[in-house]
Each structure stands twice: as structure tokens, then as C-alpha cells.
Amino acid sequence: MIKWDNQGLIPAVVQDAETRQVLMVAYMNAESLQKTREIGEAVFWSRSRGELWHKGATSGNVQKVRAILIDCDADTLLILVDPAGPACHTGETSCFFRKLEDVINAVE
């Protein structure tokens, strides 16, 4: 049984199925999870827009889903994908390309 949060969402960690690099973290609701399973490409829930978000629908950088795993507490998903391009809107392969120290030092 999936443990949805109080907004009906579950965090989804997206990982490259080949390299195992973590590409991004997004959120899914029941509808986006169902749609992902139906079409075989990652579909998330956009918390900022309040709508479904088919990753790569406009950029072409879709994420073909190989497997969906759930953690032992059933409150986080791990989605293994074959990415068609960068995961990050900045053009970086992964959204995790900055070191915390660099960001903190830039602010200080």
C-alpha cells in the first residue's frame, strides 16, 4: 500500500537505469503514477502548476521508464529510466550538479 502524504503525493527519485546517476526528484499523485505505468514514460504532478507534467513533452527529453521501485516504508518511489536528454531545465544532465558549499559561499 502506497503511503501518500496529506496532499495525496509521494516523492519520486528518478535515476538513470544505466549509469545509476540520480537525475531529479519530483512528486507523483495516483493519476500521474497510473499514467506513467500506462504510457511507459515519466509523468509527475507539478506542485507549482497544479497539473500533470509529462516529463519531456515540450523539450523532447522524455524519460522511458524501465522499473518503478518503492522503498521499505512505502513512502518514496525510485524510478529507473532511460533518459532521452538532460533531466534538468538548465540543460544539465542531472538536477544535482551544484555543491552545497558553492551555493552557501555565493550567498555569504
PDB file of N, CA and C in Angstrom:
ATOM      1  N   MET A   1       0.849  -1.188   0.000  1.00  0.00           N
ATOM      2  CA  MET A   1       0.000   0.000   0.000  1.00  0.00           C
ATOM      3  C   MET A   1       0.889   1.244   0.000  1.00  0.00           C
ATOM      4  N   ILE A   2       0.661   2.135  -0.923  1.00  0.00           N
ATOM      5  CA  ILE A   2       1.445   3.363  -1.012  1.00  0.00           C
ATOM      6  C   ILE A   2       1.003   4.322   0.082  1.00  0.00           C
ATOM      7  N   LYS A   3       1.984   4.934   0.741  1.00  0.00           N
ATOM      8  CA  LYS A   3       1.702   5.939   1.767  1.00  0.00           C
ATOM      9  C   LYS A   3       1.809   7.330   1.143  1.00  0.00           C
ATOM     10  N   TRP A   4       0.681   7.835   0.686  1.00  0.00           N
ATOM     11  CA  TRP A   4       0.610   9.181   0.116  1.00  0.00           C
ATOM     12  C   TRP A   4       0.698  10.187   1.248  1.00  0.00           C
ATOM     13  N   ASP A   5       1.250  11.374   0.995  1.00  0.00           N
ATOM     14  CA  ASP A   5       1.261  12.403   2.034  1.00  0.00           C
ATOM     15  C   ASP A   5      -0.127  13.032   2.138  1.00  0.00           C
ATOM     16  N   ASN A   6      -0.269  14.044   2.987  1.00  0.00           N
ATOM     17  CA  ASN A   6      -1.594  14.635   3.218  1.00  0.00           C
ATOM     18  C   ASN A   6      -2.139  15.390   2.007  1.00  0.00           C
ATOM     19  N   GLN A   7      -1.299  15.588   0.986  1.00  0.00           N
ATOM     20  CA  GLN A   7      -1.757  16.220  -0.257  1.00  0.00           C
ATOM     21  C   GLN A   7      -1.960  15.185  -1.360  1.00  0.00           C
ATOM     22  N   GLY A   8      -1.830  13.907  -1.002  1.00  0.00           N
ATOM     23  CA  GLY A   8      -2.009  12.841  -1.982  1.00  0.00           C
ATOM     24  C   GLY A   8      -0.807  12.649  -2.886  1.00  0.00           C
ATOM     25  N   LEU A   9       0.377  13.025  -2.403  1.00  0.00           N
ATOM     26  CA  LEU A   9       1.594  12.947  -3.206  1.00  0.00           C
ATOM     27  C   LEU A   9       2.608  11.998  -2.584  1.00  0.00           C
ATOM     28  N   ILE A  10       3.539  11.537  -3.421  1.00  0.00           N
ATOM     29  CA  ILE A  10       4.653  10.727  -2.972  1.00  0.00           C
ATOM     30  C   ILE A  10       5.893  11.214  -3.721  1.00  0.00           C
ATOM     31  N   PRO A  11       7.036  11.386  -3.021  1.00  0.00           N
ATOM     32  CA  PRO A  11       8.252  11.786  -3.734  1.00  0.00           C
ATOM     33  C   PRO A  11       8.745  10.653  -4.621  1.00  0.00           C
ATOM     34  N   ALA A  12       9.283  11.035  -5.776  1.00  0.00           N
ATOM     35  CA  ALA A  12       9.816  10.073  -6.732  1.00  0.00           C
ATOM     36  C   ALA A  12      11.241  10.484  -7.101  1.00  0.00           C
ATOM     37  N   VAL A  13      12.192   9.642  -6.754  1.00  0.00           N
ATOM     38  CA  VAL A  13      13.582   9.849  -7.126  1.00  0.00           C
ATOM     39  C   VAL A  13      13.769   9.204  -8.496  1.00  0.00           C
ATOM     40  N   VAL A  14      14.286   9.975  -9.436  1.00  0.00           N
ATOM     41  CA  VAL A  14      14.469   9.469 -10.798  1.00  0.00           C
ATOM     42  C   VAL A  14      15.953   9.207 -11.018  1.00  0.00           C
ATOM     43  N   GLN A  15      16.264   7.987 -11.457  1.00  0.00           N
ATOM     44  CA  GLN A  15      17.640   7.550 -11.607  1.00  0.00           C
ATOM     45  C   GLN A  15      17.847   6.958 -13.004  1.00  0.00           C
ATOM     46  N   ASP A  16      18.990   7.287 -13.611  1.00  0.00           N
ATOM     47  CA  ASP A  16      19.344   6.709 -14.901  1.00  0.00           C
ATOM     48  C   ASP A  16      19.546   5.205 -14.712  1.00  0.00           C
ATOM     49  N   ALA A  17      18.842   4.402 -15.459  1.00  0.00           N
ATOM     50  CA  ALA A  17      18.889   2.948 -15.294  1.00  0.00           C
ATOM     51  C   ALA A  17      20.263   2.373 -15.634  1.00  0.00           C
ATOM     52  N   GLU A  18      20.999   3.017 -16.517  1.00  0.00           N
ATOM     53  CA  GLU A  18      22.321   2.513 -16.916  1.00  0.00           C
ATOM     54  C   GLU A  18      23.426   3.009 -15.992  1.00  0.00           C
ATOM     55  N   THR A  19      23.504   4.327 -15.803  1.00  0.00           N
ATOM     56  CA  THR A  19      24.623   4.917 -15.050  1.00  0.00           C
ATOM     57  C   THR A  19      24.370   4.945 -13.550  1.00  0.00           C
ATOM     58  N   ARG A  20      23.119   4.840 -13.157  1.00  0.00           N
ATOM     59  CA  ARG A  20      22.672   4.940 -11.758  1.00  0.00           C
ATOM     60  C   ARG A  20      22.802   6.363 -11.205  1.00  0.00           C
ATOM     61  N   GLN A  21      23.044   7.346 -12.062  1.00  0.00           N
ATOM     62  CA  GLN A  21      23.098   8.736 -11.628  1.00  0.00           C
ATOM     63  C   GLN A  21      21.688   9.201 -11.260  1.00  0.00           C
ATOM     64  N   VAL A  22      21.567   9.871 -10.128  1.00  0.00           N
ATOM     65  CA  VAL A  22      20.281  10.458  -9.742  1.00  0.00           C
ATOM     66  C   VAL A  22      20.061  11.678 -10.629  1.00  0.00           C
ATOM     67  N   LEU A  23      18.953  11.683 -11.321  1.00  0.00           N
ATOM     68  CA  LEU A  23      18.668  12.751 -12.268  1.00  0.00           C
ATOM     69  C   LEU A  23      17.832  13.872 -11.670  1.00  0.00           C
ATOM     70  N   MET A  24      16.846  13.503 -10.881  1.00  0.00           N
ATOM     71  CA  MET A  24      15.936  14.515 -10.344  1.00  0.00           C
ATOM     72  C   MET A  24      15.055  13.898  -9.265  1.00  0.00           C
ATOM     73  N   VAL A  25      14.345  14.759  -8.570  1.00  0.00           N
ATOM     74  CA  VAL A  25      13.317  14.349  -7.621  1.00  0.00           C
ATOM     75  C   VAL A  25      12.063  15.131  -7.980  1.00  0.00           C
ATOM     76  N   ALA A  26      10.958  14.431  -8.068  1.00  0.00           N
ATOM     77  CA  ALA A  26       9.682  15.074  -8.374  1.00  0.00           C
ATOM     78  C   ALA A  26       8.615  14.416  -7.514  1.00  0.00           C
ATOM     79  N   TYR A  27       7.376  14.788  -7.720  1.00  0.00           N
ATOM     80  CA  TYR A  27       6.269  14.218  -6.950  1.00  0.00           C
ATOM     81  C   TYR A  27       5.260  13.592  -7.887  1.00  0.00           C
ATOM     82  N   MET A  28       4.618  12.557  -7.392  1.00  0.00           N
ATOM     83  CA  MET A  28       3.569  11.885  -8.144  1.00  0.00           C
ATOM     84  C   MET A  28       2.319  11.804  -7.291  1.00  0.00           C
ATOM     85  N   ASN A  29       1.178  11.841  -7.958  1.00  0.00           N
ATOM     86  CA  ASN A  29      -0.079  11.508  -7.303  1.00  0.00           C
ATOM     87  C   ASN A  29      -0.587  10.218  -7.957  1.00  0.00           C
ATOM     88  N   ALA A  30      -1.719   9.738  -7.531  1.00  0.00           N
ATOM     89  CA  ALA A  30      -2.227   8.465  -8.064  1.00  0.00           C
ATOM     90  C   ALA A  30      -2.433   8.533  -9.577  1.00  0.00           C
ATOM     91  N   GLU A  31      -2.916   9.656 -10.070  1.00  0.00           N
ATOM     92  CA  GLU A  31      -3.167   9.800 -11.501  1.00  0.00           C
ATOM     93  C   GLU A  31      -1.869   9.798 -12.308  1.00  0.00           C
ATOM     94  N   SER A  32      -0.844  10.516 -11.830  1.00  0.00           N
ATOM     95  CA  SER A  32       0.413  10.558 -12.579  1.00  0.00           C
ATOM     96  C   SER A  32       1.114   9.202 -12.547  1.00  0.00           C
ATOM     97  N   LEU A  33       1.007   8.495 -11.436  1.00  0.00           N
ATOM     98  CA  LEU A  33       1.592   7.159 -11.352  1.00  0.00           C
ATOM     99  C   LEU A  33       0.887   6.207 -12.324  1.00  0.00           C
ATOM    100  N   GLN A  34      -0.433   6.288 -12.374  1.00  0.00           N
ATOM    101  CA  GLN A  34      -1.194   5.440 -13.296  1.00  0.00           C
ATOM    102  C   GLN A  34      -0.820   5.766 -14.739  1.00  0.00           C
ATOM    103  N   LYS A  35      -0.743   7.055 -15.062  1.00  0.00           N
ATOM    104  CA  LYS A  35      -0.404   7.475 -16.425  1.00  0.00           C
ATOM    105  C   LYS A  35       1.007   7.015 -16.796  1.00  0.00           C
ATOM    106  N   THR A  36       1.942   7.114 -15.860  1.00  0.00           N
ATOM    107  CA  THR A  36       3.315   6.652 -16.083  1.00  0.00           C
ATOM    108  C   THR A  36       3.322   5.176 -16.434  1.00  0.00           C
ATOM    109  N   ARG A  37       2.580   4.398 -15.679  1.00  0.00           N
ATOM    110  CA  ARG A  37       2.517   2.952 -15.925  1.00  0.00           C
ATOM    111  C   ARG A  37       1.849   2.642 -17.263  1.00  0.00           C
ATOM    112  N   GLU A  38       0.874   3.443 -17.650  1.00  0.00           N
ATOM    113  CA  GLU A  38       0.168   3.220 -18.913  1.00  0.00           C
ATOM    114  C   GLU A  38       1.031   3.514 -20.133  1.00  0.00           C
ATOM    115  N   ILE A  39       1.734   4.664 -20.117  1.00  0.00           N
ATOM    116  CA  ILE A  39       2.465   5.084 -21.323  1.00  0.00           C
ATOM    117  C   ILE A  39       3.943   4.699 -21.292  1.00  0.00           C
ATOM    118  N   GLY A  40       4.458   4.304 -20.122  1.00  0.00           N
ATOM    119  CA  GLY A  40       5.847   3.890 -20.038  1.00  0.00           C
ATOM    120  C   GLY A  40       6.847   5.030 -20.038  1.00  0.00           C
ATOM    121  N   GLU A  41       6.361   6.239 -19.808  1.00  0.00           N
ATOM    122  CA  GLU A  41       7.215   7.424 -19.688  1.00  0.00           C
ATOM    123  C   GLU A  41       6.818   8.160 -18.422  1.00  0.00           C
ATOM    124  N   ALA A  42       7.797   8.872 -17.842  1.00  0.00           N
ATOM    125  CA  ALA A  42       7.572   9.535 -16.559  1.00  0.00           C
ATOM    126  C   ALA A  42       6.565  10.687 -16.671  1.00  0.00           C
ATOM    127  N   VAL A  43       5.573  10.625 -15.813  1.00  0.00           N
ATOM    128  CA  VAL A  43       4.579  11.689 -15.679  1.00  0.00           C
ATOM    129  C   VAL A  43       4.500  12.023 -14.197  1.00  0.00           C
ATOM    130  N   PHE A  44       4.611  13.295 -13.874  1.00  0.00           N
ATOM    131  CA  PHE A  44       4.632  13.728 -12.481  1.00  0.00           C
ATOM    132  C   PHE A  44       3.472  14.679 -12.212  1.00  0.00           C
ATOM    133  N   TRP A  45       3.349  15.068 -10.941  1.00  0.00           N
ATOM    134  CA  TRP A  45       2.392  16.089 -10.547  1.00  0.00           C
ATOM    135  C   TRP A  45       3.181  17.362 -10.291  1.00  0.00           C
ATOM    136  N   SER A  46       2.866  18.420 -11.009  1.00  0.00           N
ATOM    137  CA  SER A  46       3.528  19.709 -10.804  1.00  0.00           C
ATOM    138  C   SER A  46       2.860  20.424  -9.650  1.00  0.00           C
ATOM    139  N   ARG A  47       3.590  20.554  -8.550  1.00  0.00           N
ATOM    140  CA  ARG A  47       3.030  21.239  -7.382  1.00  0.00           C
ATOM    141  C   ARG A  47       2.848  22.722  -7.658  1.00  0.00           C
ATOM    142  N   SER A  48       3.719  23.323  -8.458  1.00  0.00           N
ATOM    143  CA  SER A  48       3.613  24.759  -8.729  1.00  0.00           C
ATOM    144  C   SER A  48       2.468  25.082  -9.695  1.00  0.00           C
ATOM    145  N   ARG A  49       2.242  24.207 -10.681  1.00  0.00           N
ATOM    146  CA  ARG A  49       1.179  24.455 -11.658  1.00  0.00           C
ATOM    147  C   ARG A  49      -0.129  23.761 -11.309  1.00  0.00           C
ATOM    148  N   GLY A  50      -0.062  22.785 -10.406  1.00  0.00           N
ATOM    149  CA  GLY A  50      -1.269  22.064 -10.016  1.00  0.00           C
ATOM    150  C   GLY A  50      -1.855  21.233 -11.146  1.00  0.00           C
ATOM    151  N   GLU A  51      -0.952  20.572 -11.920  1.00  0.00           N
ATOM    152  CA  GLU A  51      -1.415  19.758 -13.041  1.00  0.00           C
ATOM    153  C   GLU A  51      -0.411  18.656 -13.336  1.00  0.00           C
ATOM    154  N   LEU A  52      -0.850  17.686 -14.143  1.00  0.00           N
ATOM    155  CA  LEU A  52       0.059  16.626 -14.563  1.00  0.00           C
ATOM    156  C   LEU A  52       1.159  17.216 -15.424  1.00  0.00           C
ATOM    157  N   TRP A  53       2.350  16.611 -15.350  1.00  0.00           N
ATOM    158  CA  TRP A  53       3.516  17.082 -16.075  1.00  0.00           C
ATOM    159  C   TRP A  53       4.201  15.875 -16.702  1.00  0.00           C
ATOM    160  N   HIS A  54       4.048  15.725 -18.003  1.00  0.00           N
ATOM    161  CA  HIS A  54       4.705  14.648 -18.744  1.00  0.00           C
ATOM    162  C   HIS A  54       6.122  15.119 -19.044  1.00  0.00           C
ATOM    163  N   LYS A  55       7.091  14.553 -18.326  1.00  0.00           N
ATOM    164  CA  LYS A  55       8.484  14.975 -18.456  1.00  0.00           C
ATOM    165  C   LYS A  55       8.932  14.847 -19.907  1.00  0.00           C
ATOM    166  N   GLY A  56       9.396  15.963 -20.470  1.00  0.00           N
ATOM    167  CA  GLY A  56       9.900  15.972 -21.834  1.00  0.00           C
ATOM    168  C   GLY A  56       8.856  16.222 -22.906  1.00  0.00           C
ATOM    169  N   ALA A  57       7.620  16.455 -22.518  1.00  0.00           N
ATOM    170  CA  ALA A  57       6.557  16.667 -23.512  1.00  0.00           C
ATOM    171  C   ALA A  57       6.858  17.863 -24.414  1.00  0.00           C
ATOM    172  N   THR A  58       7.453  18.907 -23.873  1.00  0.00           N
ATOM    173  CA  THR A  58       7.777  20.071 -24.697  1.00  0.00           C
ATOM    174  C   THR A  58       9.240  20.074 -25.143  1.00  0.00           C
ATOM    175  N   SER A  59      10.145  19.568 -24.324  1.00  0.00           N
ATOM    176  CA  SER A  59      11.581  19.586 -24.654  1.00  0.00           C
ATOM    177  C   SER A  59      12.026  18.390 -25.484  1.00  0.00           C
ATOM    178  N   GLY A  60      11.255  17.318 -25.427  1.00  0.00           N
ATOM    179  CA  GLY A  60      11.665  16.086 -26.092  1.00  0.00           C
ATOM    180  C   GLY A  60      12.525  15.192 -25.206  1.00  0.00           C
ATOM    181  N   ASN A  61      12.871  15.671 -24.024  1.00  0.00           N
ATOM    182  CA  ASN A  61      13.721  14.918 -23.098  1.00  0.00           C
ATOM    183  C   ASN A  61      12.893  13.986 -22.217  1.00  0.00           C
ATOM    184  N   VAL A  62      12.158  13.098 -22.869  1.00  0.00           N
ATOM    185  CA  VAL A  62      11.310  12.162 -22.131  1.00  0.00           C
ATOM    186  C   VAL A  62      12.161  11.153 -21.376  1.00  0.00           C
ATOM    187  N   GLN A  63      11.542  10.533 -20.406  1.00  0.00           N
ATOM    188  CA  GLN A  63      12.210   9.515 -19.600  1.00  0.00           C
ATOM    189  C   GLN A  63      11.422   8.215 -19.732  1.00  0.00           C
ATOM    190  N   LYS A  64      11.980   7.282 -20.493  1.00  0.00           N
ATOM    191  CA  LYS A  64      11.362   5.960 -20.662  1.00  0.00           C
ATOM    192  C   LYS A  64      11.555   5.178 -19.378  1.00  0.00           C
ATOM    193  N   VAL A  65      10.487   4.690 -18.806  1.00  0.00           N
ATOM    194  CA  VAL A  65      10.537   4.006 -17.515  1.00  0.00           C
ATOM    195  C   VAL A  65      10.878   2.532 -17.709  1.00  0.00           C
ATOM    196  N   ARG A  66      11.907   2.098 -17.011  1.00  0.00           N
ATOM    197  CA  ARG A  66      12.279   0.677 -17.012  1.00  0.00           C
ATOM    198  C   ARG A  66      11.677  -0.049 -15.824  1.00  0.00           C
ATOM    199  N   ALA A  67      11.677   0.627 -14.666  1.00  0.00           N
ATOM    200  CA  ALA A  67      11.145  -0.004 -13.450  1.00  0.00           C
ATOM    201  C   ALA A  67      10.741   1.071 -12.460  1.00  0.00           C
ATOM    202  N   ILE A  68       9.761   0.731 -11.645  1.00  0.00           N
ATOM    203  CA  ILE A  68       9.349   1.591 -10.530  1.00  0.00           C
ATOM    204  C   ILE A  68       9.477   0.760  -9.266  1.00  0.00           C
ATOM    205  N   LEU A  69      10.297   1.237  -8.358  1.00  0.00           N
ATOM    206  CA  LEU A  69      10.510   0.560  -7.078  1.00  0.00           C
ATOM    207  C   LEU A  69       9.930   1.420  -5.969  1.00  0.00           C
ATOM    208  N   ILE A  70       9.579   0.793  -4.873  1.00  0.00           N
ATOM    209  CA  ILE A  70       9.066   1.517  -3.710  1.00  0.00           C
ATOM    210  C   ILE A  70       9.917   1.145  -2.508  1.00  0.00           C
ATOM    211  N   ASP A  71      10.187   2.114  -1.648  1.00  0.00           N
ATOM    212  CA  ASP A  71      11.056   1.835  -0.503  1.00  0.00           C
ATOM    213  C   ASP A  71      10.325   1.030   0.568  1.00  0.00           C
ATOM    214  N   CYS A  72      11.083   0.606   1.565  1.00  0.00           N
ATOM    215  CA  CYS A  72      10.559  -0.288   2.603  1.00  0.00           C
ATOM    216  C   CYS A  72       9.432   0.331   3.424  1.00  0.00           C
ATOM    217  N   ASP A  73       9.385   1.667   3.509  1.00  0.00           N
ATOM    218  CA  ASP A  73       8.314   2.337   4.244  1.00  0.00           C
ATOM    219  C   ASP A  73       7.117   2.670   3.359  1.00  0.00           C
ATOM    220  N   ALA A  74       7.244   2.405   2.072  1.00  0.00           N
ATOM    221  CA  ALA A  74       6.194   2.661   1.076  1.00  0.00           C
ATOM    222  C   ALA A  74       5.836   4.138   0.962  1.00  0.00           C
ATOM    223  N   ASP A  75       6.847   5.020   1.229  1.00  0.00           N
ATOM    224  CA  ASP A  75       6.565   6.450   1.143  1.00  0.00           C
ATOM    225  C   ASP A  75       7.476   7.199   0.172  1.00  0.00           C
ATOM    226  N   THR A  76       8.255   6.472  -0.631  1.00  0.00           N
ATOM    227  CA  THR A  76       9.102   7.071  -1.658  1.00  0.00           C
ATOM    228  C   THR A  76       9.248   6.083  -2.810  1.00  0.00           C
ATOM    229  N   LEU A  77       9.200   6.621  -4.024  1.00  0.00           N
ATOM    230  CA  LEU A  77       9.390   5.797  -5.213  1.00  0.00           C
ATOM    231  C   LEU A  77      10.778   6.035  -5.797  1.00  0.00           C
ATOM    232  N   LEU A  78      11.321   5.016  -6.423  1.00  0.00           N
ATOM    233  CA  LEU A  78      12.551   5.122  -7.202  1.00  0.00           C
ATOM    234  C   LEU A  78      12.180   4.703  -8.616  1.00  0.00           C
ATOM    235  N   ILE A  79      12.377   5.617  -9.554  1.00  0.00           N
ATOM    236  CA  ILE A  79      12.007   5.344 -10.935  1.00  0.00           C
ATOM    237  C   ILE A  79      13.285   5.237 -11.761  1.00  0.00           C
ATOM    238  N   LEU A  80      13.507   4.066 -12.327  1.00  0.00           N
ATOM    239  CA  LEU A  80      14.668   3.833 -13.182  1.00  0.00           C
ATOM    240  C   LEU A  80      14.267   4.128 -14.616  1.00  0.00           C
ATOM    241  N   VAL A  81      15.019   5.016 -15.268  1.00  0.00           N
ATOM    242  CA  VAL A  81      14.632   5.489 -16.594  1.00  0.00           C
ATOM    243  C   VAL A  81      15.785   5.441 -17.587  1.00  0.00           C
ATOM    244  N   ASP A  82      15.416   5.466 -18.849  1.00  0.00           N
ATOM    245  CA  ASP A  82      16.334   5.722 -19.943  1.00  0.00           C
ATOM    246  C   ASP A  82      16.010   7.135 -20.417  1.00  0.00           C
ATOM    247  N   PRO A  83      16.851   8.114 -20.062  1.00  0.00           N
ATOM    248  CA  PRO A  83      16.549   9.493 -20.433  1.00  0.00           C
ATOM    249  C   PRO A  83      16.881   9.781 -21.897  1.00  0.00           C
ATOM    250  N   ALA A  84      16.044  10.572 -22.541  1.00  0.00           N
ATOM    251  CA  ALA A  84      16.272  10.967 -23.930  1.00  0.00           C
ATOM    252  C   ALA A  84      17.084  12.255 -24.023  1.00  0.00           C
ATOM    253  N   GLY A  85      17.442  12.817 -22.885  1.00  0.00           N
ATOM    254  CA  GLY A  85      18.209  14.061 -22.847  1.00  0.00           C
ATOM    255  C   GLY A  85      18.357  14.502 -21.418  1.00  0.00           C
ATOM    256  N   PRO A  86      18.803  15.740 -21.205  1.00  0.00           N
ATOM    257  CA  PRO A  86      19.005  16.247 -19.847  1.00  0.00           C
ATOM    258  C   PRO A  86      17.720  16.215 -19.024  1.00  0.00           C
ATOM    259  N   ALA A  87      17.876  15.944 -17.735  1.00  0.00           N
ATOM    260  CA  ALA A  87      16.724  15.958 -16.830  1.00  0.00           C
ATOM    261  C   ALA A  87      16.442  17.366 -16.324  1.00  0.00           C
ATOM    262  N   CYS A  88      17.480  18.171 -16.200  1.00  0.00           N
ATOM    263  CA  CYS A  88      17.340  19.500 -15.586  1.00  0.00           C
ATOM    264  C   CYS A  88      16.938  20.559 -16.610  1.00  0.00           C
ATOM    265  N   HIS A  89      16.094  21.478 -16.177  1.00  0.00           N
ATOM    266  CA  HIS A  89      15.664  22.567 -17.060  1.00  0.00           C
ATOM    267  C   HIS A  89      16.812  23.496 -17.436  1.00  0.00           C
ATOM    268  N   THR A  90      17.954  23.406 -16.719  1.00  0.00           N
ATOM    269  CA  THR A  90      19.124  24.231 -17.032  1.00  0.00           C
ATOM    270  C   THR A  90      19.936  23.655 -18.185  1.00  0.00           C
ATOM    271  N   GLY A  91      19.608  22.413 -18.576  1.00  0.00           N
ATOM    272  CA  GLY A  91      20.372  21.734 -19.613  1.00  0.00           C
ATOM    273  C   GLY A  91      21.394  20.761 -19.056  1.00  0.00           C
ATOM    274  N   GLU A  92      21.555  20.749 -17.727  1.00  0.00           N
ATOM    275  CA  GLU A  92      22.458  19.792 -17.089  1.00  0.00           C
ATOM    276  C   GLU A  92      21.826  18.409 -17.134  1.00  0.00           C
ATOM    277  N   THR A  93      22.664  17.391 -17.176  1.00  0.00           N
ATOM    278  CA  THR A  93      22.190  16.009 -17.201  1.00  0.00           C
ATOM    279  C   THR A  93      21.326  15.703 -15.993  1.00  0.00           C
ATOM    280  N   SER A  94      21.783  16.148 -14.820  1.00  0.00           N
ATOM    281  CA  SER A  94      21.086  15.920 -13.552  1.00  0.00           C
ATOM    282  C   SER A  94      20.761  17.254 -12.900  1.00  0.00           C
ATOM    283  N   CYS A  95      19.709  17.284 -12.120  1.00  0.00           N
ATOM    284  CA  CYS A  95      19.395  18.486 -11.343  1.00  0.00           C
ATOM    285  C   CYS A  95      20.380  18.676 -10.185  1.00  0.00           C
ATOM    286  N   PHE A  96      21.153  17.636  -9.891  1.00  0.00           N
ATOM    287  CA  PHE A  96      22.105  17.671  -8.783  1.00  0.00           C
ATOM    288  C   PHE A  96      23.516  17.902  -9.320  1.00  0.00           C
ATOM    289  N   PHE A  97      23.790  19.137  -9.741  1.00  0.00           N
ATOM    290  CA  PHE A  97      25.093  19.451 -10.312  1.00  0.00           C
ATOM    291  C   PHE A  97      25.853  20.514  -9.511  1.00  0.00           C
ATOM    292  N   ARG A  98      25.239  21.042  -8.453  1.00  0.00           N
ATOM    293  CA  ARG A  98      25.892  22.077  -7.642  1.00  0.00           C
ATOM    294  C   ARG A  98      26.226  21.536  -6.263  1.00  0.00           C
ATOM    295  N   LYS A  99      27.399  21.912  -5.776  1.00  0.00           N
ATOM    296  CA  LYS A  99      27.774  21.544  -4.410  1.00  0.00           C
ATOM    297  C   LYS A  99      27.180  22.559  -3.454  1.00  0.00           C
ATOM    298  N   LEU A 100      26.696  22.077  -2.317  1.00  0.00           N
ATOM    299  CA  LEU A 100      26.082  22.945  -1.324  1.00  0.00           C
ATOM    300  C   LEU A 100      27.032  24.048  -0.895  1.00  0.00           C
ATOM    301  N   GLU A 101      28.300  23.719  -0.707  1.00  0.00           N
ATOM    302  CA  GLU A 101      29.292  24.716  -0.275  1.00  0.00           C
ATOM    303  C   GLU A 101      29.372  25.883  -1.259  1.00  0.00           C
ATOM    304  N   ASP A 102      29.306  25.578  -2.555  1.00  0.00           N
ATOM    305  CA  ASP A 102      29.378  26.635  -3.567  1.00  0.00           C
ATOM    306  C   ASP A 102      28.166  27.563  -3.486  1.00  0.00           C
ATOM    307  N   VAL A 103      27.020  26.994  -3.242  1.00  0.00           N
ATOM    308  CA  VAL A 103      25.798  27.807  -3.144  1.00  0.00           C
ATOM    309  C   VAL A 103      25.844  28.653  -1.887  1.00  0.00           C
ATOM    310  N   ILE A 104      26.249  28.066  -0.766  1.00  0.00           N
ATOM    311  CA  ILE A 104      26.332  28.806   0.503  1.00  0.00           C
ATOM    312  C   ILE A 104      27.360  29.922   0.402  1.00  0.00           C
ATOM    313  N   ASN A 105      28.515  29.621  -0.167  1.00  0.00           N
ATOM    314  CA  ASN A 105      29.576  30.625  -0.302  1.00  0.00           C
ATOM    315  C   ASN A 105      29.179  31.758  -1.226  1.00  0.00           C
ATOM    316  N   ALA A 106      28.367  31.493  -2.216  1.00  0.00           N
ATOM    317  CA  ALA A 106      27.911  32.525  -3.147  1.00  0.00           C
ATOM    318  C   ALA A 106      26.959  33.503  -2.463  1.00  0.00           C
ATOM    319  N   VAL A 107      26.249  33.028  -1.444  1.00  0.00           N
ATOM    320  CA  VAL A 107      25.274  33.872  -0.746  1.00  0.00           C
ATOM    321  C   VAL A 107      25.962  34.735   0.312  1.00  0.00           C
ATOM    322  N   GLU A 108      27.000  34.194   0.899  1.00  0.00           N
ATOM    323  CA  GLU A 108      27.650  34.898   2.018  1.00  0.00           C
ATOM    324  C   GLU A 108      28.481  36.063   1.570  1.00  0.00           C
TER     325      GLU A 108
END
